[in-house]
PDB file of N, CA and C in Angstrom:
ATOM      1  N   UNK A   1       0.454  -1.343  -0.163  1.00  0.00           N
ATOM      2  CA  UNK A   1      -0.022   0.186   0.193  1.00  0.00           C
ATOM      3  C   UNK A   1       1.120   1.314   0.093  1.00  0.00           C
ATOM      4  N   UNK A   2       0.633   2.232  -0.998  1.00  0.00           N
ATOM      5  CA  UNK A   2       1.215   3.399  -1.271  1.00  0.00           C
ATOM      6  C   UNK A   2       1.195   4.072   0.481  1.00  0.00           C
ATOM      7  N   UNK A   3       2.116   5.178   0.717  1.00  0.00           N
ATOM      8  CA  UNK A   3       2.151   6.389   1.808  1.00  0.00           C
ATOM      9  C   UNK A   3       2.134   7.369   0.984  1.00  0.00           C
ATOM     10  N   UNK A   4       0.831   7.791   0.813  1.00  0.00           N
ATOM     11  CA  UNK A   4       0.983   9.976   0.293  1.00  0.00           C
ATOM     12  C   UNK A   4       1.111  10.632   0.658  1.00  0.00           C
ATOM     13  N   UNK A   5       2.033  10.380   2.021  1.00  0.00           N
ATOM     14  CA  UNK A   5       2.141  11.371   2.829  1.00  0.00           C
ATOM     15  C   UNK A   5       3.986  11.457   2.466  1.00  0.00           C
ATOM     16  N   UNK A   6       4.062  10.407   2.364  1.00  0.00           N
ATOM     17  CA  UNK A   6       5.760  10.442   1.610  1.00  0.00           C
ATOM     18  C   UNK A   6       5.873  10.655   0.314  1.00  0.00           C
ATOM     19  N   UNK A   7       4.973  11.247  -0.649  1.00  0.00           N
ATOM     20  CA  UNK A   7       4.980  10.669  -1.736  1.00  0.00           C
ATOM     21  C   UNK A   7       4.982   9.968  -2.685  1.00  0.00           C
ATOM     22  N   UNK A   8       4.138   8.767  -2.271  1.00  0.00           N
ATOM     23  CA  UNK A   8       4.235   7.757  -3.006  1.00  0.00           C
ATOM     24  C   UNK A   8       3.084   7.260  -3.802  1.00  0.00           C
ATOM     25  N   UNK A   9       2.693   7.162  -5.234  1.00  0.00           N
ATOM     26  CA  UNK A   9       2.069   6.664  -5.913  1.00  0.00           C
ATOM     27  C   UNK A   9       2.152   5.131  -6.372  1.00  0.00           C
ATOM     28  N   UNK A  10       0.623   4.775  -6.825  1.00  0.00           N
ATOM     29  CA  UNK A  10       0.433   3.721  -7.617  1.00  0.00           C
ATOM     30  C   UNK A  10       0.259   3.952  -8.484  1.00  0.00           C
ATOM     31  N   UNK A  11       0.697   3.110  -9.585  1.00  0.00           N
ATOM     32  CA  UNK A  11       0.393   2.817 -10.917  1.00  0.00           C
ATOM     33  C   UNK A  11       0.317   1.539 -11.526  1.00  0.00           C
ATOM     34  N   UNK A  12      -0.433   1.132 -12.557  1.00  0.00           N
ATOM     35  CA  UNK A  12       0.108  -0.611 -13.400  1.00  0.00           C
ATOM     36  C   UNK A  12       0.433   0.228 -14.679  1.00  0.00           C
ATOM     37  N   UNK A  13       1.716  -0.862 -14.690  1.00  0.00           N
ATOM     38  CA  UNK A  13       2.338  -0.660 -15.700  1.00  0.00           C
ATOM     39  C   UNK A  13       2.554  -1.929 -15.886  1.00  0.00           C
ATOM     40  N   UNK A  14       2.473  -2.608 -17.132  1.00  0.00           N
ATOM     41  CA  UNK A  14       2.492  -4.032 -17.897  1.00  0.00           C
ATOM     42  C   UNK A  14       1.955  -4.767 -17.162  1.00  0.00           C
ATOM     43  N   UNK A  15       0.632  -4.209 -16.816  1.00  0.00           N
ATOM     44  CA  UNK A  15      -0.505  -5.129 -15.961  1.00  0.00           C
ATOM     45  C   UNK A  15      -0.318  -5.909 -14.250  1.00  0.00           C
ATOM     46  N   UNK A  16       0.901  -5.118 -13.816  1.00  0.00           N
ATOM     47  CA  UNK A  16       1.349  -5.208 -12.700  1.00  0.00           C
ATOM     48  C   UNK A  16       1.311  -4.231 -11.919  1.00  0.00           C
ATOM     49  N   UNK A  17       0.841  -3.903 -10.569  1.00  0.00           N
ATOM     50  CA  UNK A  17       0.917  -2.571  -9.597  1.00  0.00           C
ATOM     51  C   UNK A  17       2.303  -2.445  -9.118  1.00  0.00           C
ATOM     52  N   UNK A  18       2.485  -1.021  -9.422  1.00  0.00           N
ATOM     53  CA  UNK A  18       3.924  -1.177  -8.965  1.00  0.00           C
ATOM     54  C   UNK A  18       3.556   0.302  -8.022  1.00  0.00           C
ATOM     55  N   UNK A  19       4.564   0.519  -6.937  1.00  0.00           N
ATOM     56  CA  UNK A  19       4.956   1.690  -6.471  1.00  0.00           C
ATOM     57  C   UNK A  19       6.059   2.743  -7.294  1.00  0.00           C
ATOM     58  N   UNK A  20       6.237   4.077  -7.159  1.00  0.00           N
ATOM     59  CA  UNK A  20       7.054   4.903  -7.618  1.00  0.00           C
ATOM     60  C   UNK A  20       6.747   6.150  -6.635  1.00  0.00           C
ATOM     61  N   UNK A  21       8.336   6.638  -6.169  1.00  0.00           N
ATOM     62  CA  UNK A  21       8.329   7.637  -5.544  1.00  0.00           C
ATOM     63  C   UNK A  21       9.829   8.047  -5.940  1.00  0.00           C
ATOM     64  N   UNK A  22       9.303   9.930  -5.485  1.00  0.00           N
ATOM     65  CA  UNK A  22      10.860  10.769  -5.808  1.00  0.00           C
ATOM     66  C   UNK A  22      11.549  10.938  -4.769  1.00  0.00           C
ATOM     67  N   UNK A  23      12.875  10.147  -3.978  1.00  0.00           N
ATOM     68  CA  UNK A  23      13.544  10.085  -3.575  1.00  0.00           C
ATOM     69  C   UNK A  23      14.201  11.625  -3.492  1.00  0.00           C
ATOM     70  N   UNK A  24      15.063  12.091  -2.633  1.00  0.00           N
ATOM     71  CA  UNK A  24      15.614  12.766  -2.868  1.00  0.00           C
ATOM     72  C   UNK A  24      16.973  12.035  -3.834  1.00  0.00           C
ATOM     73  N   UNK A  25      17.416  11.211  -3.994  1.00  0.00           N
ATOM     74  CA  UNK A  25      18.319  10.489  -5.210  1.00  0.00           C
ATOM     75  C   UNK A  25      17.982  10.562  -6.152  1.00  0.00           C
ATOM     76  N   UNK A  26      16.164   9.978  -6.501  1.00  0.00           N
ATOM     77  CA  UNK A  26      15.642  10.081  -7.453  1.00  0.00           C
ATOM     78  C   UNK A  26      15.774  11.904  -8.419  1.00  0.00           C
ATOM     79  N   UNK A  27      15.447  12.354  -7.138  1.00  0.00           N
ATOM     80  CA  UNK A  27      15.440  14.151  -7.564  1.00  0.00           C
ATOM     81  C   UNK A  27      16.607  14.292  -8.059  1.00  0.00           C
ATOM     82  N   UNK A  28      17.372  14.083  -7.837  1.00  0.00           N
ATOM     83  CA  UNK A  28      19.121  14.351  -8.165  1.00  0.00           C
ATOM     84  C   UNK A  28      19.665  13.387  -9.040  1.00  0.00           C
ATOM     85  N   UNK A  29      19.045  12.505  -9.593  1.00  0.00           N
ATOM     86  CA  UNK A  29      19.291  12.197 -11.280  1.00  0.00           C
ATOM     87  C   UNK A  29      18.197  12.293 -11.783  1.00  0.00           C
ATOM     88  N   UNK A  30      16.924  13.316 -11.778  1.00  0.00           N
ATOM     89  CA  UNK A  30      16.460  13.841 -13.062  1.00  0.00           C
ATOM     90  C   UNK A  30      17.133  15.487 -12.824  1.00  0.00           C
ATOM     91  N   UNK A  31      17.152  15.731 -11.573  1.00  0.00           N
ATOM     92  CA  UNK A  31      18.388  17.555 -11.937  1.00  0.00           C
ATOM     93  C   UNK A  31      19.539  16.782 -13.325  1.00  0.00           C
ATOM     94  N   UNK A  32      20.373  16.012 -12.817  1.00  0.00           N
ATOM     95  CA  UNK A  32      21.164  15.539 -13.858  1.00  0.00           C
ATOM     96  C   UNK A  32      20.826  15.277 -15.507  1.00  0.00           C
ATOM     97  N   UNK A  33      19.776  14.596 -15.495  1.00  0.00           N
ATOM     98  CA  UNK A  33      18.980  14.446 -17.058  1.00  0.00           C
ATOM     99  C   UNK A  33      18.707  15.592 -17.377  1.00  0.00           C
ATOM    100  N   UNK A  34      17.922  16.557 -16.822  1.00  0.00           N
ATOM    101  CA  UNK A  34      17.210  16.947 -17.675  1.00  0.00           C
ATOM    102  C   UNK A  34      18.247  19.178 -16.963  1.00  0.00           C
ATOM    103  N   UNK A  35      19.152  18.783 -16.690  1.00  0.00           N
ATOM    104  CA  UNK A  35      19.950  20.144 -16.159  1.00  0.00           C
ATOM    105  C   UNK A  35      19.803  21.150 -16.070  1.00  0.00           C
ATOM    106  N   UNK A  36      19.065  20.386 -14.964  1.00  0.00           N
ATOM    107  CA  UNK A  36      18.017  21.800 -13.842  1.00  0.00           C
ATOM    108  C   UNK A  36      19.625  21.555 -12.987  1.00  0.00           C
ATOM    109  N   UNK A  37      19.316  23.127 -12.055  1.00  0.00           N
ATOM    110  CA  UNK A  37      20.548  23.785 -11.251  1.00  0.00           C
ATOM    111  C   UNK A  37      20.028  23.299  -9.632  1.00  0.00           C
ATOM    112  N   UNK A  38      18.425  23.123  -9.661  1.00  0.00           N
ATOM    113  CA  UNK A  38      18.231  22.764  -8.547  1.00  0.00           C
ATOM    114  C   UNK A  38      16.818  22.501  -8.369  1.00  0.00           C
ATOM    115  N   UNK A  39      16.159  22.216  -7.495  1.00  0.00           N
ATOM    116  CA  UNK A  39      14.947  21.855  -7.716  1.00  0.00           C
ATOM    117  C   UNK A  39      13.869  22.341  -7.776  1.00  0.00           C
ATOM    118  N   UNK A  40      14.130  23.748  -7.662  1.00  0.00           N
ATOM    119  CA  UNK A  40      12.726  24.345  -7.956  1.00  0.00           C
ATOM    120  C   UNK A  40      13.125  24.681  -9.664  1.00  0.00           C
ATOM    121  N   UNK A  41      14.593  24.915  -9.934  1.00  0.00           N
ATOM    122  CA  UNK A  41      14.237  24.519 -11.890  1.00  0.00           C
ATOM    123  C   UNK A  41      13.394  23.260 -12.775  1.00  0.00           C
ATOM    124  N   UNK A  42      13.674  22.424 -11.635  1.00  0.00           N
ATOM    125  CA  UNK A  42      13.209  20.917 -12.066  1.00  0.00           C
ATOM    126  C   UNK A  42      11.875  21.795 -12.186  1.00  0.00           C
ATOM    127  N   UNK A  43      11.115  21.545 -10.934  1.00  0.00           N
ATOM    128  CA  UNK A  43       9.550  21.986 -10.446  1.00  0.00           C
ATOM    129  C   UNK A  43       9.278  23.208 -12.087  1.00  0.00           C
ATOM    130  N   UNK A  44      10.080  23.051 -11.839  1.00  0.00           N
ATOM    131  CA  UNK A  44       9.280  24.836 -12.865  1.00  0.00           C
ATOM    132  C   UNK A  44       9.282  24.398 -14.466  1.00  0.00           C
ATOM    133  N   UNK A  45      10.599  23.188 -14.927  1.00  0.00           N
ATOM    134  CA  UNK A  45      10.133  22.670 -16.121  1.00  0.00           C
ATOM    135  C   UNK A  45       9.185  21.748 -15.852  1.00  0.00           C
ATOM    136  N   UNK A  46       8.675  21.510 -14.782  1.00  0.00           N
ATOM    137  CA  UNK A  46       8.040  20.316 -14.984  1.00  0.00           C
ATOM    138  C   UNK A  46       6.301  20.732 -14.945  1.00  0.00           C
ATOM    139  N   UNK A  47       6.216  21.991 -14.319  1.00  0.00           N
ATOM    140  CA  UNK A  47       4.945  22.843 -14.100  1.00  0.00           C
ATOM    141  C   UNK A  47       4.567  23.271 -15.769  1.00  0.00           C
ATOM    142  N   UNK A  48       5.814  23.269 -16.444  1.00  0.00           N
ATOM    143  CA  UNK A  48       4.956  23.518 -18.073  1.00  0.00           C
ATOM    144  C   UNK A  48       4.488  22.842 -19.014  1.00  0.00           C
ATOM    145  N   UNK A  49       4.080  21.538 -17.837  1.00  0.00           N
ATOM    146  CA  UNK A  49       3.796  20.741 -18.581  1.00  0.00           C
ATOM    147  C   UNK A  49       3.968  19.824 -20.361  1.00  0.00           C
ATOM    148  N   UNK A  50       4.893  20.118 -20.608  1.00  0.00           N
ATOM    149  CA  UNK A  50       5.928  20.030 -21.703  1.00  0.00           C
ATOM    150  C   UNK A  50       6.962  18.860 -21.838  1.00  0.00           C
ATOM    151  N   UNK A  51       6.511  17.526 -21.755  1.00  0.00           N
ATOM    152  CA  UNK A  51       7.455  16.150 -21.413  1.00  0.00           C
ATOM    153  C   UNK A  51       7.778  15.465 -22.420  1.00  0.00           C
ATOM    154  N   UNK A  52       8.612  15.396 -23.028  1.00  0.00           N
ATOM    155  CA  UNK A  52       8.422  14.517 -24.385  1.00  0.00           C
ATOM    156  C   UNK A  52       8.711  12.963 -23.723  1.00  0.00           C
ATOM    157  N   UNK A  53       8.585  11.812 -24.487  1.00  0.00           N
ATOM    158  CA  UNK A  53       8.069  10.598 -24.486  1.00  0.00           C
ATOM    159  C   UNK A  53       8.915  10.135 -23.600  1.00  0.00           C
ATOM    160  N   UNK A  54      10.604  10.530 -24.064  1.00  0.00           N
ATOM    161  CA  UNK A  54      11.777  10.067 -23.525  1.00  0.00           C
ATOM    162  C   UNK A  54      11.901  10.798 -21.999  1.00  0.00           C
ATOM    163  N   UNK A  55      11.048  12.304 -22.036  1.00  0.00           N
ATOM    164  CA  UNK A  55      10.958  12.877 -20.410  1.00  0.00           C
ATOM    165  C   UNK A  55      10.365  11.676 -19.358  1.00  0.00           C
ATOM    166  N   UNK A  56       9.294  11.105 -19.908  1.00  0.00           N
ATOM    167  CA  UNK A  56       8.364  10.598 -18.720  1.00  0.00           C
ATOM    168  C   UNK A  56       8.388   9.286 -18.826  1.00  0.00           C
ATOM    169  N   UNK A  57       9.752   8.671 -19.654  1.00  0.00           N
ATOM    170  CA  UNK A  57      10.549   7.445 -19.079  1.00  0.00           C
ATOM    171  C   UNK A  57      11.370   7.696 -18.102  1.00  0.00           C
ATOM    172  N   UNK A  58      11.715   8.638 -18.105  1.00  0.00           N
ATOM    173  CA  UNK A  58      12.989   9.111 -17.205  1.00  0.00           C
ATOM    174  C   UNK A  58      12.280   9.494 -15.765  1.00  0.00           C
ATOM    175  N   UNK A  59      11.051  10.262 -15.925  1.00  0.00           N
ATOM    176  CA  UNK A  59      10.192  10.376 -14.445  1.00  0.00           C
ATOM    177  C   UNK A  59      10.243   9.036 -13.809  1.00  0.00           C
ATOM    178  N   UNK A  60       9.399   8.208 -14.835  1.00  0.00           N
ATOM    179  CA  UNK A  60       8.714   6.885 -14.595  1.00  0.00           C
ATOM    180  C   UNK A  60      10.227   6.448 -13.603  1.00  0.00           C
ATOM    181  N   UNK A  61      11.036   6.424 -14.574  1.00  0.00           N
ATOM    182  CA  UNK A  61      12.002   5.441 -14.031  1.00  0.00           C
ATOM    183  C   UNK A  61      13.211   5.894 -12.654  1.00  0.00           C
ATOM    184  N   UNK A  62      12.628   7.245 -12.615  1.00  0.00           N
ATOM    185  CA  UNK A  62      13.538   7.598 -11.556  1.00  0.00           C
ATOM    186  C   UNK A  62      12.526   7.360 -10.185  1.00  0.00           C
ATOM    187  N   UNK A  63      11.303   7.130 -10.764  1.00  0.00           N
ATOM    188  CA  UNK A  63      10.112   6.735  -9.555  1.00  0.00           C
ATOM    189  C   UNK A  63      10.426   5.874  -9.364  1.00  0.00           C
ATOM    190  N   UNK A  64      10.465   4.963 -10.322  1.00  0.00           N
ATOM    191  CA  UNK A  64      10.498   3.298  -9.820  1.00  0.00           C
ATOM    192  C   UNK A  64      11.524   2.807  -8.669  1.00  0.00           C
ATOM    193  N   UNK A  65      12.736   3.607  -9.477  1.00  0.00           N
ATOM    194  CA  UNK A  65      13.346   2.928  -9.112  1.00  0.00           C
ATOM    195  C   UNK A  65      14.107   3.635  -7.431  1.00  0.00           C
ATOM    196  N   UNK A  66      13.204   5.392  -7.507  1.00  0.00           N
ATOM    197  CA  UNK A  66      13.028   5.956  -5.818  1.00  0.00           C
ATOM    198  C   UNK A  66      12.033   4.336  -5.260  1.00  0.00           C
ATOM    199  N   UNK A  67      11.574   3.698  -5.433  1.00  0.00           N
ATOM    200  CA  UNK A  67      10.557   2.765  -4.566  1.00  0.00           C
ATOM    201  C   UNK A  67      11.619   1.390  -4.967  1.00  0.00           C
ATOM    202  N   UNK A  68      12.447   1.356  -4.970  1.00  0.00           N
ATOM    203  CA  UNK A  68      13.433   0.134  -4.819  1.00  0.00           C
ATOM    204  C   UNK A  68      13.122  -0.951  -6.293  1.00  0.00           C
ATOM    205  N   UNK A  69      13.175  -0.567  -7.328  1.00  0.00           N
ATOM    206  CA  UNK A  69      12.565  -1.284  -8.333  1.00  0.00           C
ATOM    207  C   UNK A  69      14.698  -0.998  -9.208  1.00  0.00           C
ATOM    208  N   UNK A  70      14.760  -1.907  -9.477  1.00  0.00           N
ATOM    209  CA  UNK A  70      15.916  -2.116 -10.275  1.00  0.00           C
ATOM    210  C   UNK A  70      15.601  -2.182 -11.765  1.00  0.00           C
ATOM    211  N   UNK A  71      15.601  -1.337 -12.348  1.00  0.00           N
ATOM    212  CA  UNK A  71      15.180  -1.446 -13.660  1.00  0.00           C
ATOM    213  C   UNK A  71      15.776   0.191 -14.430  1.00  0.00           C
ATOM    214  N   UNK A  72      15.881   0.195 -16.271  1.00  0.00           N
ATOM    215  CA  UNK A  72      16.267   1.034 -16.529  1.00  0.00           C
ATOM    216  C   UNK A  72      15.362   1.733 -17.293  1.00  0.00           C
ATOM    217  N   UNK A  73      15.620   3.154 -17.857  1.00  0.00           N
ATOM    218  CA  UNK A  73      14.712   3.824 -18.190  1.00  0.00           C
ATOM    219  C   UNK A  73      14.348   3.083 -19.376  1.00  0.00           C
ATOM    220  N   UNK A  74      15.522   2.451 -20.356  1.00  0.00           N
ATOM    221  CA  UNK A  74      15.122   1.716 -21.638  1.00  0.00           C
ATOM    222  C   UNK A  74      14.119   0.285 -21.643  1.00  0.00           C
ATOM    223  N   UNK A  75      13.907   0.226 -20.393  1.00  0.00           N
ATOM    224  CA  UNK A  75      12.454  -0.696 -19.456  1.00  0.00           C
ATOM    225  C   UNK A  75      11.795  -0.168 -19.311  1.00  0.00           C
ATOM    226  N   UNK A  76      11.774   0.968 -19.036  1.00  0.00           N
ATOM    227  CA  UNK A  76      10.666   1.607 -18.885  1.00  0.00           C
ATOM    228  C   UNK A  76       9.728   1.736 -20.098  1.00  0.00           C
ATOM    229  N   UNK A  77      10.927   2.412 -21.234  1.00  0.00           N
ATOM    230  CA  UNK A  77      10.388   2.305 -22.372  1.00  0.00           C
ATOM    231  C   UNK A  77       9.151   1.241 -23.062  1.00  0.00           C
ATOM    232  N   UNK A  78       9.678   0.241 -23.023  1.00  0.00           N
ATOM    233  CA  UNK A  78       9.245  -0.590 -23.452  1.00  0.00           C
ATOM    234  C   UNK A  78       7.941  -1.172 -22.568  1.00  0.00           C
ATOM    235  N   UNK A  79       7.610  -0.746 -21.660  1.00  0.00           N
ATOM    236  CA  UNK A  79       6.383  -1.177 -20.919  1.00  0.00           C
ATOM    237  C   UNK A  79       4.971  -0.523 -21.733  1.00  0.00           C
ATOM    238  N   UNK A  80       4.361  -1.199 -20.598  1.00  0.00           N
ATOM    239  CA  UNK A  80       2.518  -0.567 -21.359  1.00  0.00           C
ATOM    240  C   UNK A  80       1.916   0.216 -20.377  1.00  0.00           C
ATOM    241  N   UNK A  81       0.890   1.124 -20.071  1.00  0.00           N
ATOM    242  CA  UNK A  81       0.140   1.530 -19.256  1.00  0.00           C
ATOM    243  C   UNK A  81      -1.353   1.581 -20.060  1.00  0.00           C
ATOM    244  N   UNK A  82      -2.193   1.446 -18.924  1.00  0.00           N
ATOM    245  CA  UNK A  82      -3.211   1.174 -19.070  1.00  0.00           C
ATOM    246  C   UNK A  82      -3.615   3.206 -20.150  1.00  0.00           C
ATOM    247  N   UNK A  83      -4.382   3.186 -20.944  1.00  0.00           N
ATOM    248  CA  UNK A  83      -4.576   4.131 -21.924  1.00  0.00           C
ATOM    249  C   UNK A  83      -3.529   4.844 -22.735  1.00  0.00           C
ATOM    250  N   UNK A  84      -2.287   3.874 -23.058  1.00  0.00           N
ATOM    251  CA  UNK A  84      -1.138   4.500 -24.166  1.00  0.00           C
ATOM    252  C   UNK A  84      -0.545   5.569 -23.206  1.00  0.00           C
ATOM    253  N   UNK A  85       0.023   6.284 -23.954  1.00  0.00           N
ATOM    254  CA  UNK A  85       0.369   7.702 -24.193  1.00  0.00           C
ATOM    255  C   UNK A  85      -0.183   8.708 -22.463  1.00  0.00           C
ATOM    256  N   UNK A  86      -1.454   8.558 -22.668  1.00  0.00           N
ATOM    257  CA  UNK A  86      -2.579   9.444 -21.790  1.00  0.00           C
ATOM    258  C   UNK A  86      -2.045   8.817 -20.080  1.00  0.00           C
ATOM    259  N   UNK A  87      -2.109   7.381 -20.541  1.00  0.00           N
ATOM    260  CA  UNK A  87      -1.760   6.693 -19.282  1.00  0.00           C
ATOM    261  C   UNK A  87      -0.479   7.488 -18.495  1.00  0.00           C
ATOM    262  N   UNK A  88       0.335   6.909 -19.512  1.00  0.00           N
ATOM    263  CA  UNK A  88       1.864   7.579 -18.962  1.00  0.00           C
ATOM    264  C   UNK A  88       2.095   9.004 -18.618  1.00  0.00           C
ATOM    265  N   UNK A  89       1.333   9.959 -19.235  1.00  0.00           N
ATOM    266  CA  UNK A  89       1.005  11.069 -18.628  1.00  0.00           C
ATOM    267  C   UNK A  89       0.427  11.572 -17.556  1.00  0.00           C
ATOM    268  N   UNK A  90      -0.635  10.866 -17.259  1.00  0.00           N
ATOM    269  CA  UNK A  90      -1.226  11.058 -15.833  1.00  0.00           C
ATOM    270  C   UNK A  90      -0.116  10.271 -14.615  1.00  0.00           C
ATOM    271  N   UNK A  91       0.615   9.178 -15.101  1.00  0.00           N
ATOM    272  CA  UNK A  91       1.378   8.628 -14.072  1.00  0.00           C
ATOM    273  C   UNK A  91       2.290   9.941 -13.497  1.00  0.00           C
ATOM    274  N   UNK A  92       3.104  10.683 -14.988  1.00  0.00           N
ATOM    275  CA  UNK A  92       3.783  11.447 -14.144  1.00  0.00           C
ATOM    276  C   UNK A  92       3.046  12.776 -12.984  1.00  0.00           C
ATOM    277  N   UNK A  93       2.124  12.704 -13.734  1.00  0.00           N
ATOM    278  CA  UNK A  93       1.520  14.098 -13.389  1.00  0.00           C
ATOM    279  C   UNK A  93       1.307  13.708 -11.451  1.00  0.00           C
ATOM    280  N   UNK A  94       0.503  12.044 -11.761  1.00  0.00           N
ATOM    281  CA  UNK A  94       0.534  12.103 -10.020  1.00  0.00           C
ATOM    282  C   UNK A  94       2.086  12.513  -9.603  1.00  0.00           C
ATOM    283  N   UNK A  95       2.971  11.173 -10.094  1.00  0.00           N
ATOM    284  CA  UNK A  95       4.079  11.408  -9.443  1.00  0.00           C
ATOM    285  C   UNK A  95       4.563  13.247  -8.894  1.00  0.00           C
ATOM    286  N   UNK A  96       4.684  13.600 -10.197  1.00  0.00           N
ATOM    287  CA  UNK A  96       5.197  15.216 -10.045  1.00  0.00           C
ATOM    288  C   UNK A  96       4.351  15.628  -8.932  1.00  0.00           C
ATOM    289  N   UNK A  97       2.607  15.718  -8.606  1.00  0.00           N
ATOM    290  CA  UNK A  97       2.112  16.253  -7.915  1.00  0.00           C
ATOM    291  C   UNK A  97       2.481  15.543  -6.143  1.00  0.00           C
ATOM    292  N   UNK A  98       2.331  14.310  -6.224  1.00  0.00           N
ATOM    293  CA  UNK A  98       2.564  13.982  -5.185  1.00  0.00           C
ATOM    294  C   UNK A  98       3.974  14.054  -4.093  1.00  0.00           C
ATOM    295  N   UNK A  99       5.037  14.303  -5.453  1.00  0.00           N
ATOM    296  CA  UNK A  99       6.180  15.447  -5.137  1.00  0.00           C
ATOM    297  C   UNK A  99       6.250  16.240  -4.631  1.00  0.00           C
ATOM    298  N   UNK A 100       5.693  17.291  -5.520  1.00  0.00           N
ATOM    299  CA  UNK A 100       5.872  18.887  -5.315  1.00  0.00           C
ATOM    300  C   UNK A 100       5.050  19.256  -5.000  1.00  0.00           C
ATOM    301  N   UNK A 101       3.686  18.272  -4.790  1.00  0.00           N
ATOM    302  CA  UNK A 101       2.368  19.598  -3.948  1.00  0.00           C
ATOM    303  C   UNK A 101       1.022  19.806  -4.813  1.00  0.00           C
ATOM    304  N   UNK A 102       0.692  20.455  -4.373  1.00  0.00           N
ATOM    305  CA  UNK A 102      -0.594  20.359  -5.312  1.00  0.00           C
ATOM    306  C   UNK A 102      -1.856  19.437  -5.302  1.00  0.00           C
ATOM    307  N   UNK A 103      -2.923  19.839  -5.983  1.00  0.00           N
ATOM    308  CA  UNK A 103      -4.015  19.269  -5.666  1.00  0.00           C
ATOM    309  C   UNK A 103      -4.391  18.091  -6.308  1.00  0.00           C
ATOM    310  N   UNK A 104      -4.525  17.045  -6.785  1.00  0.00           N
ATOM    311  CA  UNK A 104      -5.125  15.780  -7.335  1.00  0.00           C
ATOM    312  C   UNK A 104      -6.749  15.787  -7.212  1.00  0.00           C
ATOM    313  N   UNK A 105      -7.446  14.934  -8.067  1.00  0.00           N
ATOM    314  CA  UNK A 105      -8.743  15.180  -7.729  1.00  0.00           C
ATOM    315  C   UNK A 105      -9.110  14.332  -6.497  1.00  0.00           C
ATOM    316  N   UNK A 106      -8.183  13.172  -6.102  1.00  0.00           N
ATOM    317  CA  UNK A 106      -8.713  12.379  -5.045  1.00  0.00           C
ATOM    318  C   UNK A 106      -8.533  13.437  -3.641  1.00  0.00           C
ATOM    319  N   UNK A 107      -7.500  14.718  -4.043  1.00  0.00           N
ATOM    320  CA  UNK A 107      -6.898  15.077  -2.845  1.00  0.00           C
ATOM    321  C   UNK A 107      -8.170  16.507  -2.169  1.00  0.00           C
ATOM    322  N   UNK A 108      -8.768  16.779  -3.752  1.00  0.00           N
ATOM    323  CA  UNK A 108      -9.416  18.530  -4.215  1.00  0.00           C
ATOM    324  C   UNK A 108     -10.511  18.321  -3.265  1.00  0.00           C
ATOM    325  N   UNK A 109     -10.536  19.560  -2.816  1.00  0.00           N
ATOM    326  CA  UNK A 109     -11.349  19.929  -1.418  1.00  0.00           C
ATOM    327  C   UNK A 109     -13.208  19.486  -1.728  1.00  0.00           C
ATOM    328  N   UNK A 110     -13.799  18.635  -1.304  1.00  0.00           N
ATOM    329  CA  UNK A 110     -15.021  18.299  -1.477  1.00  0.00           C
ATOM    330  C   UNK A 110     -16.152  19.703  -0.642  1.00  0.00           C
ATOM    331  N   UNK A 111     -17.140  19.713  -1.652  1.00  0.00           N
ATOM    332  CA  UNK A 111     -18.027  20.944  -1.745  1.00  0.00           C
ATOM    333  C   UNK A 111     -18.648  19.992   0.048  1.00  0.00           C
ATOM    334  N   UNK A 112     -19.240  21.064   0.752  1.00  0.00           N
ATOM    335  CA  UNK A 112     -19.935  20.936   1.908  1.00  0.00           C
ATOM    336  C   UNK A 112     -21.410  20.524   1.637  1.00  0.00           C
ATOM    337  N   UNK A 113     -21.736  19.670   2.761  1.00  0.00           N
ATOM    338  CA  UNK A 113     -23.016  19.496   1.962  1.00  0.00           C
ATOM    339  C   UNK A 113     -24.694  20.733   2.403  1.00  0.00           C
ATOM    340  N   UNK A 114     -25.113  21.386   1.738  1.00  0.00           N
ATOM    341  CA  UNK A 114     -25.561  21.560   2.020  1.00  0.00           C
ATOM    342  C   UNK A 114     -26.715  22.260   3.303  1.00  0.00           C
ATOM    343  N   UNK A 115     -26.816  23.441   4.228  1.00  0.00           N
ATOM    344  CA  UNK A 115     -27.171  23.345   5.970  1.00  0.00           C
ATOM    345  C   UNK A 115     -28.580  23.378   6.423  1.00  0.00           C
ATOM    346  N   UNK A 116     -28.988  22.198   6.559  1.00  0.00           N
ATOM    347  CA  UNK A 116     -30.211  22.208   6.877  1.00  0.00           C
ATOM    348  C   UNK A 116     -30.716  21.040   6.155  1.00  0.00           C
ATOM    349  N   UNK A 117     -30.150  20.316   5.106  1.00  0.00           N
ATOM    350  CA  UNK A 117     -30.951  19.467   4.114  1.00  0.00           C
ATOM    351  C   UNK A 117     -31.048  18.280   4.863  1.00  0.00           C
TER     352      UNK A 117
END
């Protein structure tokens, strides 16, 4: 079971549930891969919402390795996600949101029921 307080998410890749988390080591790996000077620059890059397929493979690979999987980015590139490219984009978005903050649908505040109803 994933721990959202630690920034973990769950995703189904190649039909199997996987845990992903961007640990400090995984973030350092991504800083180097994206030539980002620091975490702020990395977050700003992700915040632009424009990632190539290879970028998504790097982020997912770093998240899998952060959770303890021994997997290469090339192995990630060969994986399948439900929904194809859009499914991979959702995984990356959930992982970035879990790491850097922000609301996801399940985290978003729910409206209160009407008073006296």
